[in-house]
Amino acid sequence: MKFYEMRIYTIKAGQLGTYVKLFEEEGFPIISKYQKLVGYWYTDIGELNEVVHIWEYDSLDERAEKRKALYEDPEWKKFTSKAFSLILSQKNKIMYPSNFSPIK
């Protein structure tokens, strides 16, 4: 069974485009060395200024190992020093697929 982590970030008003571009150009190439992206979205209706992404792991231990390696990466530290100033809040959820989920 795979494990999925949903991360939801609320971005400062007026900064969504800046954040998404920064993540695409700088953050994504770094984090992709450690984690597998399932999907990345931003909101247009409802709760505005949100970015939602889902990452796949084989186990919670793998997640812990990969996150530790990511946090130790000097390039990631440079990225987060820019990105964190654009974020208002963050939520993380670990999700388990149901038997009938198209993504398992």
N, C-alpha and C. Protein backbone atom coordinates (compact mmCIF):
# COMPACT_ATOMS: atom_id res chain seq x y z
N MET A 1 0.84 -1.18 0.00
CA MET A 1 0.00 0.00 0.00
C MET A 1 0.89 1.25 0.00
N LYS A 2 0.50 2.23 -0.75
CA LYS A 2 1.21 3.52 -0.77
C LYS A 2 0.60 4.45 0.27
N PHE A 3 1.37 5.43 0.67
CA PHE A 3 0.91 6.48 1.56
C PHE A 3 0.99 7.80 0.79
N TYR A 4 0.04 8.68 1.04
CA TYR A 4 0.02 9.96 0.34
C TYR A 4 -0.03 11.08 1.37
N GLU A 5 0.77 12.08 1.12
CA GLU A 5 0.77 13.26 1.98
C GLU A 5 0.18 14.41 1.18
N MET A 6 -0.89 14.99 1.72
CA MET A 6 -1.47 16.20 1.13
C MET A 6 -0.96 17.39 1.93
N ARG A 7 -0.41 18.33 1.22
CA ARG A 7 0.08 19.56 1.84
C ARG A 7 -0.73 20.71 1.26
N ILE A 8 -1.28 21.54 2.14
CA ILE A 8 -2.09 22.68 1.74
C ILE A 8 -1.46 23.93 2.32
N TYR A 9 -1.09 24.83 1.44
CA TYR A 9 -0.49 26.10 1.86
C TYR A 9 -1.43 27.24 1.50
N THR A 10 -1.63 28.15 2.43
CA THR A 10 -2.34 29.39 2.15
C THR A 10 -1.27 30.45 1.91
N ILE A 11 -1.36 31.07 0.74
CA ILE A 11 -0.36 32.05 0.31
C ILE A 11 -0.90 33.46 0.56
N LYS A 12 -0.02 34.37 0.84
CA LYS A 12 -0.44 35.76 1.05
C LYS A 12 -1.19 36.27 -0.17
N ALA A 13 -2.23 37.07 0.07
CA ALA A 13 -3.04 37.63 -1.02
C ALA A 13 -2.14 38.37 -2.00
N GLY A 14 -2.36 38.12 -3.27
CA GLY A 14 -1.60 38.78 -4.32
C GLY A 14 -0.26 38.12 -4.63
N GLN A 15 0.09 37.06 -3.90
CA GLN A 15 1.40 36.42 -4.06
C GLN A 15 1.33 35.00 -4.63
N LEU A 16 0.12 34.54 -4.99
CA LEU A 16 -0.03 33.16 -5.45
C LEU A 16 0.82 32.90 -6.69
N GLY A 17 0.75 33.76 -7.69
CA GLY A 17 1.53 33.59 -8.91
C GLY A 17 3.02 33.57 -8.63
N THR A 18 3.46 34.44 -7.74
CA THR A 18 4.87 34.51 -7.37
C THR A 18 5.31 33.21 -6.71
N TYR A 19 4.47 32.69 -5.79
CA TYR A 19 4.81 31.46 -5.09
C TYR A 19 4.87 30.27 -6.05
N VAL A 20 3.85 30.12 -6.90
CA VAL A 20 3.81 28.99 -7.83
C VAL A 20 5.00 29.03 -8.77
N LYS A 21 5.33 30.21 -9.27
CA LYS A 21 6.49 30.34 -10.17
C LYS A 21 7.79 29.99 -9.44
N LEU A 22 7.93 30.47 -8.22
CA LEU A 22 9.12 30.18 -7.43
C LEU A 22 9.25 28.68 -7.18
N PHE A 23 8.12 28.03 -6.84
CA PHE A 23 8.17 26.59 -6.60
C PHE A 23 8.52 25.84 -7.89
N GLU A 24 7.90 26.23 -8.98
CA GLU A 24 8.16 25.55 -10.26
C GLU A 24 9.62 25.67 -10.67
N GLU A 25 10.16 26.86 -10.57
CA GLU A 25 11.51 27.12 -11.07
C GLU A 25 12.62 26.69 -10.10
N GLU A 26 12.37 26.83 -8.80
CA GLU A 26 13.44 26.56 -7.83
C GLU A 26 13.14 25.39 -6.91
N GLY A 27 11.95 25.35 -6.34
CA GLY A 27 11.64 24.31 -5.36
C GLY A 27 11.42 22.94 -5.95
N PHE A 28 10.65 22.86 -7.03
CA PHE A 28 10.32 21.56 -7.60
C PHE A 28 11.54 20.77 -8.07
N PRO A 29 12.50 21.39 -8.76
CA PRO A 29 13.69 20.62 -9.15
C PRO A 29 14.46 20.03 -7.96
N ILE A 30 14.42 20.71 -6.83
CA ILE A 30 15.12 20.21 -5.65
C ILE A 30 14.34 19.09 -4.98
N ILE A 31 13.08 19.35 -4.68
CA ILE A 31 12.27 18.36 -3.96
C ILE A 31 12.07 17.08 -4.77
N SER A 32 12.10 17.20 -6.09
CA SER A 32 11.91 16.03 -6.95
C SER A 32 13.04 15.02 -6.82
N LYS A 33 14.18 15.44 -6.29
CA LYS A 33 15.27 14.50 -6.04
C LYS A 33 14.93 13.55 -4.91
N TYR A 34 13.95 13.92 -4.07
CA TYR A 34 13.66 13.17 -2.86
C TYR A 34 12.26 12.57 -2.82
N GLN A 35 11.32 13.17 -3.50
CA GLN A 35 9.92 12.79 -3.36
C GLN A 35 9.23 12.68 -4.71
N LYS A 36 8.16 11.88 -4.76
CA LYS A 36 7.39 11.71 -5.98
C LYS A 36 6.10 12.52 -5.90
N LEU A 37 5.96 13.48 -6.81
CA LEU A 37 4.77 14.33 -6.86
C LEU A 37 3.64 13.59 -7.57
N VAL A 38 2.47 13.59 -6.95
CA VAL A 38 1.27 13.00 -7.57
C VAL A 38 0.45 14.08 -8.26
N GLY A 39 0.36 15.25 -7.64
CA GLY A 39 -0.40 16.35 -8.24
C GLY A 39 -0.12 17.66 -7.52
N TYR A 40 -0.32 18.76 -8.23
CA TYR A 40 -0.06 20.10 -7.69
C TYR A 40 -1.13 21.03 -8.26
N TRP A 41 -1.90 21.67 -7.40
CA TRP A 41 -3.00 22.52 -7.83
C TRP A 41 -2.99 23.83 -7.06
N TYR A 42 -3.70 24.81 -7.60
CA TYR A 42 -3.98 26.03 -6.86
C TYR A 42 -5.45 26.35 -7.04
N THR A 43 -6.00 27.10 -6.09
CA THR A 43 -7.44 27.35 -6.08
C THR A 43 -7.81 28.59 -6.88
N ASP A 44 -9.03 28.55 -7.41
CA ASP A 44 -9.58 29.68 -8.14
C ASP A 44 -10.98 30.04 -7.62
N ILE A 45 -11.67 29.05 -7.07
CA ILE A 45 -13.01 29.24 -6.50
C ILE A 45 -12.99 28.62 -5.11
N GLY A 46 -13.72 29.22 -4.19
CA GLY A 46 -13.76 28.72 -2.81
C GLY A 46 -12.67 29.38 -2.00
N GLU A 47 -11.95 28.58 -1.21
CA GLU A 47 -10.83 29.10 -0.42
C GLU A 47 -9.75 29.58 -1.39
N LEU A 48 -9.54 30.86 -1.47
CA LEU A 48 -8.58 31.41 -2.42
C LEU A 48 -7.16 31.40 -1.86
N ASN A 49 -6.22 31.56 -2.76
CA ASN A 49 -4.80 31.67 -2.41
C ASN A 49 -4.25 30.39 -1.77
N GLU A 50 -4.82 29.25 -2.16
CA GLU A 50 -4.32 27.99 -1.64
C GLU A 50 -3.59 27.20 -2.73
N VAL A 51 -2.54 26.52 -2.29
CA VAL A 51 -1.81 25.58 -3.13
C VAL A 51 -1.95 24.23 -2.46
N VAL A 52 -2.32 23.22 -3.25
CA VAL A 52 -2.49 21.87 -2.72
C VAL A 52 -1.60 20.94 -3.53
N HIS A 53 -0.79 20.15 -2.83
CA HIS A 53 0.01 19.16 -3.54
C HIS A 53 -0.01 17.85 -2.77
N ILE A 54 0.16 16.75 -3.53
CA ILE A 54 0.13 15.42 -2.95
C ILE A 54 1.41 14.69 -3.36
N TRP A 55 2.02 14.04 -2.37
CA TRP A 55 3.27 13.31 -2.55
C TRP A 55 3.05 11.85 -2.19
N GLU A 56 3.71 10.95 -2.89
CA GLU A 56 3.54 9.52 -2.69
C GLU A 56 4.76 8.92 -2.00
N TYR A 57 4.50 7.99 -1.07
CA TYR A 57 5.55 7.28 -0.36
C TYR A 57 5.19 5.81 -0.24
N ASP A 58 6.21 4.97 -0.13
CA ASP A 58 5.99 3.55 0.09
C ASP A 58 5.70 3.25 1.56
N SER A 59 6.18 4.09 2.45
CA SER A 59 5.96 3.88 3.89
C SER A 59 6.17 5.21 4.61
N LEU A 60 5.72 5.25 5.85
CA LEU A 60 5.95 6.45 6.65
C LEU A 60 7.43 6.59 7.01
N ASP A 61 8.13 5.46 7.12
CA ASP A 61 9.57 5.52 7.35
C ASP A 61 10.28 6.14 6.16
N GLU A 62 9.87 5.76 4.94
CA GLU A 62 10.46 6.35 3.74
C GLU A 62 10.21 7.86 3.73
N ARG A 63 9.00 8.26 4.08
CA ARG A 63 8.68 9.69 4.13
C ARG A 63 9.64 10.41 5.09
N ALA A 64 9.83 9.85 6.28
CA ALA A 64 10.71 10.48 7.27
C ALA A 64 12.13 10.59 6.75
N GLU A 65 12.63 9.54 6.12
CA GLU A 65 13.99 9.56 5.57
C GLU A 65 14.13 10.60 4.46
N LYS A 66 13.17 10.63 3.56
CA LYS A 66 13.25 11.57 2.44
C LYS A 66 13.09 13.02 2.89
N ARG A 67 12.19 13.26 3.83
CA ARG A 67 12.02 14.62 4.34
C ARG A 67 13.29 15.07 5.06
N LYS A 68 13.91 14.18 5.82
CA LYS A 68 15.16 14.53 6.52
C LYS A 68 16.24 14.91 5.52
N ALA A 69 16.39 14.11 4.47
CA ALA A 69 17.39 14.41 3.45
C ALA A 69 17.09 15.74 2.77
N LEU A 70 15.82 15.99 2.47
CA LEU A 70 15.42 17.25 1.84
C LEU A 70 15.78 18.43 2.74
N TYR A 71 15.44 18.34 4.01
CA TYR A 71 15.68 19.45 4.94
C TYR A 71 17.17 19.74 5.12
N GLU A 72 18.01 18.75 4.84
CA GLU A 72 19.46 18.95 4.96
C GLU A 72 20.09 19.48 3.67
N ASP A 73 19.34 19.52 2.60
CA ASP A 73 19.86 19.98 1.31
C ASP A 73 20.05 21.50 1.34
N PRO A 74 21.26 21.99 1.10
CA PRO A 74 21.51 23.44 1.15
C PRO A 74 20.69 24.22 0.13
N GLU A 75 20.43 23.62 -1.02
CA GLU A 75 19.61 24.31 -2.03
C GLU A 75 18.18 24.46 -1.55
N TRP A 76 17.66 23.45 -0.83
CA TRP A 76 16.30 23.54 -0.29
C TRP A 76 16.22 24.65 0.75
N LYS A 77 17.26 24.77 1.55
CA LYS A 77 17.29 25.83 2.56
C LYS A 77 17.24 27.21 1.91
N LYS A 78 17.93 27.36 0.78
CA LYS A 78 17.90 28.63 0.06
C LYS A 78 16.50 28.90 -0.47
N PHE A 79 15.87 27.86 -1.04
CA PHE A 79 14.51 28.01 -1.56
C PHE A 79 13.54 28.40 -0.44
N THR A 80 13.59 27.69 0.68
CA THR A 80 12.62 27.97 1.74
C THR A 80 12.82 29.35 2.35
N SER A 81 14.04 29.86 2.31
CA SER A 81 14.26 31.22 2.83
C SER A 81 13.48 32.25 2.00
N LYS A 82 13.23 31.95 0.74
CA LYS A 82 12.42 32.83 -0.11
C LYS A 82 10.93 32.50 0.01
N ALA A 83 10.62 31.21 -0.01
CA ALA A 83 9.23 30.78 -0.09
C ALA A 83 8.45 31.04 1.20
N PHE A 84 9.07 30.82 2.35
CA PHE A 84 8.34 30.94 3.61
C PHE A 84 7.76 32.33 3.84
N SER A 85 8.39 33.35 3.28
CA SER A 85 7.87 34.71 3.47
C SER A 85 6.56 34.94 2.70
N LEU A 86 6.23 34.03 1.78
CA LEU A 86 5.00 34.14 0.99
C LEU A 86 3.85 33.32 1.56
N ILE A 87 4.13 32.48 2.56
CA ILE A 87 3.14 31.54 3.10
C ILE A 87 2.54 32.06 4.40
N LEU A 88 1.19 31.98 4.48
CA LEU A 88 0.50 32.36 5.71
C LEU A 88 0.30 31.17 6.64
N SER A 89 -0.06 30.01 6.05
CA SER A 89 -0.31 28.83 6.88
C SER A 89 -0.07 27.56 6.07
N GLN A 90 0.04 26.45 6.79
CA GLN A 90 0.30 25.16 6.16
C GLN A 90 -0.47 24.08 6.91
N LYS A 91 -1.03 23.12 6.17
CA LYS A 91 -1.68 21.94 6.74
C LYS A 91 -1.09 20.73 6.04
N ASN A 92 -0.85 19.68 6.79
CA ASN A 92 -0.36 18.42 6.22
C ASN A 92 -1.30 17.31 6.66
N LYS A 93 -1.56 16.38 5.75
CA LYS A 93 -2.39 15.23 6.07
C LYS A 93 -1.76 14.00 5.44
N ILE A 94 -1.72 12.90 6.19
CA ILE A 94 -1.33 11.63 5.62
C ILE A 94 -2.62 10.91 5.26
N MET A 95 -2.70 10.44 4.02
CA MET A 95 -3.93 9.82 3.53
C MET A 95 -3.63 8.40 3.04
N TYR A 96 -4.58 7.53 3.27
CA TYR A 96 -4.49 6.14 2.84
C TYR A 96 -5.54 5.91 1.76
N PRO A 97 -5.18 5.27 0.65
CA PRO A 97 -6.17 5.04 -0.41
C PRO A 97 -7.19 3.98 -0.01
N SER A 98 -8.42 4.20 -0.41
CA SER A 98 -9.46 3.18 -0.21
C SER A 98 -9.27 2.07 -1.23
N ASN A 99 -9.95 0.96 -1.02
CA ASN A 99 -9.85 -0.17 -1.95
C ASN A 99 -10.24 0.19 -3.38
N PHE A 100 -11.16 1.13 -3.54
CA PHE A 100 -11.67 1.47 -4.87
C PHE A 100 -11.04 2.74 -5.45
N SER A 101 -10.06 3.30 -4.76
CA SER A 101 -9.39 4.51 -5.26
C SER A 101 -8.63 4.22 -6.54
N PRO A 102 -8.76 5.08 -7.56
CA PRO A 102 -7.99 4.88 -8.78
C PRO A 102 -6.50 5.05 -8.57
N ILE A 103 -6.11 5.78 -7.54
CA ILE A 103 -4.70 5.92 -7.18
C ILE A 103 -4.48 5.11 -5.91
N LYS A 104 -3.58 4.17 -5.96
CA LYS A 104 -3.31 3.31 -4.80
C LYS A 104 -1.87 3.39 -4.40
